[in-house]
Amino acid sequence: MLTDHGSFVVMNLYFPNGGRGGDRLVFKHNFQNIIEGYCKKRVQEGKHIVLVGDLNIAHTDLDLWNPEVGKPSTNNFVNTYL
């Protein structure tokens, strides 16, 4: 969901899970690239971005409901636009 509030936009998104790699990870990275491109364009227009939702990114064990089961097998990243 995206709402425009004049000087900023709010994006409430569910990012795809990268699974255990392969095609699913390619799909996730493509999705991330599309969102990144959209954000860059809005920032160039002078908009601020508020991104909320489930990004499906786990940086530490604290980000996982069960670290022993849910350890990520891929490297994920977040770009921040302020």
Protein backbone atom coordinates (compact mmCIF):
# COMPACT_ATOMS: atom_id res chain seq x y z
CA MET A 1 0.00 0.00 0.00
CA LEU A 2 1.28 3.46 -0.82
CA THR A 3 -0.15 6.74 0.39
CA ASP A 4 1.06 10.20 -0.65
CA HIS A 5 1.03 12.88 2.04
CA GLY A 6 2.49 15.75 0.07
CA SER A 7 6.04 16.04 1.35
CA PHE A 8 6.34 12.31 2.06
CA VAL A 9 4.98 8.94 0.98
CA VAL A 10 4.24 5.97 3.22
CA MET A 11 4.93 2.56 1.72
CA ASN A 12 3.57 -0.44 3.64
CA LEU A 13 5.10 -3.45 1.90
CA TYR A 14 5.67 -7.16 2.25
CA PHE A 15 9.01 -8.11 0.73
CA PRO A 16 9.26 -11.62 -0.71
CA ASN A 17 11.13 -14.24 1.28
CA GLY A 18 14.40 -15.26 -0.34
CA GLY A 19 13.89 -18.83 0.83
CA ARG A 20 17.01 -20.89 0.53
CA GLY A 21 18.32 -19.11 -2.52
CA GLY A 22 17.90 -19.99 -6.18
CA ASP A 23 15.01 -18.54 -8.17
CA ARG A 24 13.30 -17.26 -5.04
CA LEU A 25 16.34 -15.17 -4.10
CA VAL A 26 16.56 -13.75 -7.63
CA PHE A 27 12.88 -12.81 -7.40
CA LYS A 28 13.46 -11.10 -4.04
CA HIS A 29 16.45 -9.13 -5.34
CA ASN A 30 14.46 -8.02 -8.40
CA PHE A 31 11.68 -6.84 -6.11
CA GLN A 32 14.20 -4.94 -3.95
CA ASN A 33 15.66 -3.28 -7.04
CA ILE A 34 12.22 -2.13 -8.19
CA ILE A 35 11.44 -0.63 -4.78
CA GLU A 36 14.88 0.99 -4.61
CA GLY A 37 14.36 2.60 -8.02
CA TYR A 38 10.95 3.90 -7.00
CA CYS A 39 12.37 5.36 -3.76
CA LYS A 40 15.27 7.03 -5.56
CA LYS A 41 12.87 8.66 -8.01
CA ARG A 42 10.61 9.99 -5.23
CA VAL A 43 13.64 11.32 -3.27
CA GLN A 44 14.88 13.11 -6.39
CA GLU A 45 11.45 14.74 -6.56
CA GLY A 46 11.95 16.00 -3.01
CA LYS A 47 9.76 13.44 -1.24
CA HIS A 48 10.64 11.74 2.01
CA ILE A 49 10.01 8.00 2.23
CA VAL A 50 8.51 6.14 5.17
CA LEU A 51 8.90 2.40 4.55
CA VAL A 52 7.08 0.03 6.88
CA GLY A 53 6.04 -3.58 6.71
CA ASP A 54 7.67 -6.99 6.63
CA LEU A 55 11.02 -6.61 4.85
CA ASN A 56 11.97 -10.27 5.38
CA ILE A 57 15.50 -9.30 6.39
CA ALA A 58 17.21 -10.71 9.47
CA HIS A 59 20.44 -9.00 10.48
CA THR A 60 20.85 -10.67 13.87
CA ASP A 61 19.38 -13.56 15.83
CA LEU A 62 17.11 -11.03 17.59
CA ASP A 63 15.32 -10.55 14.26
CA LEU A 64 14.30 -14.23 14.09
CA TRP A 65 11.42 -15.91 15.91
CA ASN A 66 13.58 -19.05 16.33
CA PRO A 67 17.27 -18.43 15.56
CA GLU A 68 18.12 -22.15 15.46
CA VAL A 69 15.51 -22.85 12.78
CA GLY A 70 15.36 -19.56 10.92
CA LYS A 71 19.00 -18.63 10.31
CA PRO A 72 19.22 -16.95 6.91
CA SER A 73 21.24 -18.72 4.27
CA THR A 74 21.72 -15.60 2.16
CA ASN A 75 23.11 -12.12 2.70
CA ASN A 76 20.42 -9.46 2.77
CA PHE A 77 20.69 -5.71 2.97
CA VAL A 78 18.69 -2.58 3.56
CA ASN A 79 19.29 0.78 1.88
CA THR A 80 18.03 3.79 3.78
CA TYR A 81 16.94 7.02 2.13
CA LEU A 82 16.82 9.98 4.51
